[in-house]
Protein backbone atom coordinates (compact mmCIF):
# COMPACT_ATOMS: atom_id res chain seq x y z
CA MET A 1 114.39 68.18 101.18
CA LYS A 2 114.10 71.46 99.87
CA THR A 3 111.59 73.84 101.27
CA GLN A 4 109.40 76.61 100.44
CA THR A 5 108.68 79.23 103.71
CA LEU A 6 105.14 80.68 103.25
CA TYR A 7 102.64 82.89 104.73
CA ARG A 8 98.60 83.19 105.52
CA PRO A 9 96.87 85.99 107.01
CA VAL A 10 94.12 85.00 109.70
CA GLY A 11 91.36 86.76 111.75
CA PRO A 12 90.64 85.42 115.47
CA GLY A 13 88.88 82.71 114.36
CA GLU A 14 91.10 80.52 111.69
CA LEU A 15 94.38 80.94 114.51
CA ALA A 16 92.43 79.36 117.34
CA LEU A 17 91.38 76.36 114.88
CA ILE A 18 94.67 76.36 113.90
CA GLU A 19 95.86 76.32 117.67
CA GLN A 20 93.79 73.13 117.90
CA SER A 21 95.10 71.87 115.57
CA GLY A 22 98.46 71.27 117.26
CA TRP A 23 99.54 74.45 114.64
CA LYS A 24 99.93 71.47 111.73
CA ALA A 25 96.83 72.33 110.09
CA PHE A 26 95.13 75.48 107.99
CA PRO A 27 90.83 74.25 108.58
CA PRO A 28 88.95 73.43 106.31
CA ARG A 29 87.38 75.76 103.96
CA LEU A 30 83.94 77.23 103.84
CA PRO A 31 81.65 75.75 101.35
CA GLU A 32 81.81 79.82 100.32
CA GLN A 33 85.18 79.62 100.24
CA PRO A 34 86.25 77.12 97.57
CA ILE A 35 89.85 78.47 97.18
CA PHE A 36 93.01 78.68 99.91
CA TYR A 37 95.30 81.52 99.25
CA PRO A 38 99.10 80.90 101.03
CA VAL A 39 101.00 83.96 99.57
CA MET A 40 104.27 83.96 99.07
CA ASN A 41 106.09 86.60 101.09
CA GLU A 42 105.55 88.46 104.27
CA GLU A 43 104.66 92.08 103.00
CA TYR A 44 101.44 90.42 101.73
CA ALA A 45 100.37 89.02 104.63
CA ILE A 46 101.13 92.15 106.77
CA GLN A 47 99.26 94.08 104.54
CA ILE A 48 96.12 91.64 104.29
CA ALA A 49 96.44 90.86 108.67
CA ARG A 50 96.22 94.49 109.20
CA ASP A 51 93.80 96.01 106.57
CA TRP A 52 91.37 93.05 106.04
CA ASN A 53 91.72 90.95 108.78
CA GLU A 54 92.29 93.70 111.85
CA SER A 55 89.05 95.78 110.10
CA ALA A 56 86.75 92.56 109.83
CA SER A 57 86.80 90.74 113.76
CA GLY A 58 89.56 93.55 115.33
CA SER A 59 92.95 91.70 115.18
CA GLY A 60 94.74 89.79 112.35
CA PHE A 61 97.68 87.81 112.53
CA VAL A 62 100.69 86.85 109.90
CA THR A 63 100.98 82.99 109.79
CA ARG A 64 104.47 81.55 108.67
CA PHE A 65 105.18 77.90 107.98
CA GLU A 66 106.93 75.73 105.94
CA MET A 67 106.47 73.44 102.84
CA ASP A 68 107.94 71.03 100.83
CA ALA A 69 108.57 72.43 97.52
CA ASP A 70 108.62 69.44 95.02
CA TYR A 71 104.54 69.45 96.32
CA LEU A 72 104.48 73.74 95.79
CA SER A 73 105.33 73.37 92.67
CA ARG A 74 102.18 71.73 91.43
CA PHE A 75 100.85 75.40 91.77
CA GLU A 76 100.39 78.14 89.71
CA GLU A 77 102.01 81.41 91.75
CA GLN A 78 99.53 83.72 90.23
CA VAL A 79 100.36 87.78 90.83
CA VAL A 80 96.94 89.79 91.94
CA GLY A 81 98.08 93.42 92.42
CA GLY A 82 100.81 94.50 92.55
CA ASN A 83 105.00 92.79 92.65
CA ILE A 84 104.20 91.97 96.37
CA HIS A 85 100.90 90.43 95.66
CA ARG A 86 101.95 86.70 94.94
CA GLU A 87 100.09 84.31 96.15
CA LEU A 88 98.66 80.41 95.38
CA TRP A 89 95.04 79.24 94.58
CA VAL A 90 94.50 75.98 96.43
CA PRO A 91 92.12 74.11 95.56
CA GLY A 92 89.85 73.78 99.26
CA GLU A 93 89.27 69.84 98.34
CA ASP A 94 92.65 69.37 98.13
CA LEU A 95 93.65 71.66 101.38
CA ALA A 96 94.27 67.98 103.48
CA GLU A 97 96.91 67.12 100.75
CA PHE A 98 98.36 70.57 101.21
CA ASN A 99 98.73 70.37 104.98
CA GLN A 100 100.20 66.95 104.96
CA HIS A 101 103.21 69.04 103.09
CA ILE A 102 103.62 71.50 105.52
CA ILE A 103 107.42 70.96 107.51
CA GLY A 104 107.10 71.91 111.20
CA LEU A 105 104.58 74.05 112.67
CA ILE A 106 102.52 76.79 111.99
CA GLU A 107 104.03 79.96 113.55
CA VAL A 108 102.33 83.36 114.32
CA SER A 109 105.02 86.00 113.16
CA GLN A 110 103.27 89.52 113.57
CA SER A 111 99.35 90.07 115.43
CA PHE A 112 97.22 93.37 114.46
CA PRO A 113 96.97 94.96 116.87
CA ASN A 114 100.70 95.24 117.74
CA PRO A 115 100.13 94.32 121.34
CA PRO A 116 101.24 97.43 123.71
CA THR A 117 105.18 97.44 124.31
CA HIS A 118 105.79 97.55 128.76
């Protein structure tokens, strides 16, 4: 099976829900969040986690996960700014099915603010 790596910038609340799933699923969308936006590269995910999530909630995280590439082909890649601003638009009602196509576990690859070094 061919896989593709995706990223999802999240705040602490969403990260806690991902952890509650055993690191296997993203939580259902809220009514005011009809679209789930995984992004196509870590640079863009870092930008969102650092500039938006950290500002809004005091911390931001980049999650990384592998997906079944054949399944992902049903979603059109969207460019929403510069060349790095590439994401998929997954309707909220499709998120449970999307979660079933995650290969392995969701991992945290970056956190903001960065933990202090000793």
